[in-house]
């Protein structure tokens, strides 16, 4: 998977944030979060879900739904990845 990174035996989700979405992510250039697992199959399944969500966010922005995105932000807090901002 293109978004899956392994560091010290633990899998992470890592994606570059496009310029047009950076204001919604605190002007960060990339989003990285740990899956807290050493199992490839578990990490692969989680990465699929995360990539679907991230692609939906990009598509929503391109469809001019910027106001809907303003209410949500990615959070990197162990297990709670998508919370209201």
Protein backbone atom coordinates (compact mmCIF):
# COMPACT_ATOMS: atom_id res chain seq x y z
CA UNK A 1 0.00 0.00 0.00
CA UNK A 2 1.25 3.43 -0.86
CA UNK A 3 0.23 5.05 2.45
CA UNK A 4 1.66 2.34 4.70
CA UNK A 5 5.00 2.95 6.41
CA UNK A 6 6.80 0.64 8.81
CA UNK A 7 9.02 2.15 11.51
CA UNK A 8 10.59 0.12 14.31
CA UNK A 9 8.23 -2.75 13.50
CA UNK A 10 5.09 -0.61 13.86
CA UNK A 11 2.90 0.37 10.90
CA UNK A 12 1.94 3.98 10.25
CA UNK A 13 -0.40 5.74 7.86
CA UNK A 14 1.36 8.54 6.01
CA UNK A 15 -0.07 10.78 3.30
CA UNK A 16 1.03 14.05 1.73
CA UNK A 17 -1.51 16.84 2.15
CA UNK A 18 -2.19 18.90 -0.99
CA UNK A 19 -1.71 22.66 -0.75
CA UNK A 20 -5.42 23.37 -1.01
CA UNK A 21 -6.19 21.17 2.03
CA UNK A 22 -3.39 22.31 4.32
CA UNK A 23 -5.44 25.02 6.08
CA UNK A 24 -7.80 22.24 7.28
CA UNK A 25 -4.85 20.26 8.69
CA UNK A 26 -3.07 23.04 10.55
CA UNK A 27 -0.87 23.86 7.52
CA UNK A 28 0.91 20.51 7.83
CA UNK A 29 2.54 19.05 4.73
CA UNK A 30 1.78 15.44 5.63
CA UNK A 31 -0.48 13.47 7.93
CA UNK A 32 1.08 10.62 9.90
CA UNK A 33 -0.58 8.43 12.51
CA UNK A 34 0.34 5.12 14.10
CA UNK A 35 -1.83 2.05 13.69
CA UNK A 36 -0.27 0.63 16.88
CA UNK A 37 0.15 -2.77 15.27
CA UNK A 38 2.95 -4.96 13.95
CA UNK A 39 0.60 -7.05 11.83
CA UNK A 40 0.67 -6.23 8.13
CA UNK A 41 -2.84 -7.51 7.41
CA UNK A 42 -4.37 -5.36 10.16
CA UNK A 43 -2.41 -2.29 9.05
CA UNK A 44 -3.35 -2.88 5.41
CA UNK A 45 -7.08 -2.99 6.25
CA UNK A 46 -6.86 0.18 8.32
CA UNK A 47 -4.85 1.95 5.61
CA UNK A 48 -7.58 1.16 3.08
CA UNK A 49 -10.16 2.82 5.31
CA UNK A 50 -7.98 5.87 5.92
CA UNK A 51 -7.16 6.28 2.24
CA UNK A 52 -10.88 6.08 1.34
CA UNK A 53 -11.65 8.78 3.89
CA UNK A 54 -8.76 10.98 2.76
CA UNK A 55 -9.78 10.64 -0.90
CA UNK A 56 -13.38 11.50 0.05
CA UNK A 57 -12.12 14.67 1.74
CA UNK A 58 -10.17 15.63 -1.38
CA UNK A 59 -13.19 14.92 -3.58
CA UNK A 60 -15.52 16.92 -1.31
CA UNK A 61 -13.19 19.91 -1.48
CA UNK A 62 -13.03 19.67 -5.25
CA UNK A 63 -16.84 19.55 -5.35
CA UNK A 64 -16.83 22.89 -3.53
CA UNK A 65 -17.99 21.55 -0.18
CA UNK A 66 -15.36 23.44 1.78
CA UNK A 67 -17.81 24.50 4.50
CA UNK A 68 -18.61 20.87 5.30
CA UNK A 69 -14.91 20.15 5.75
CA UNK A 70 -14.43 23.04 8.16
CA UNK A 71 -16.26 21.16 10.92
CA UNK A 72 -13.89 18.18 10.84
CA UNK A 73 -10.16 17.74 11.25
CA UNK A 74 -7.75 14.85 11.52
CA UNK A 75 -6.57 14.21 15.06
CA UNK A 76 -3.66 12.00 16.08
CA UNK A 77 -4.87 10.75 19.45
CA UNK A 78 -4.52 6.98 19.82
CA UNK A 79 -7.52 5.40 18.15
CA UNK A 80 -9.67 8.54 17.86
CA UNK A 81 -8.62 9.70 14.42
CA UNK A 82 -11.62 11.66 13.23
CA UNK A 83 -13.23 13.98 15.72
CA UNK A 84 -15.12 17.21 15.56
CA UNK A 85 -12.70 20.12 15.71
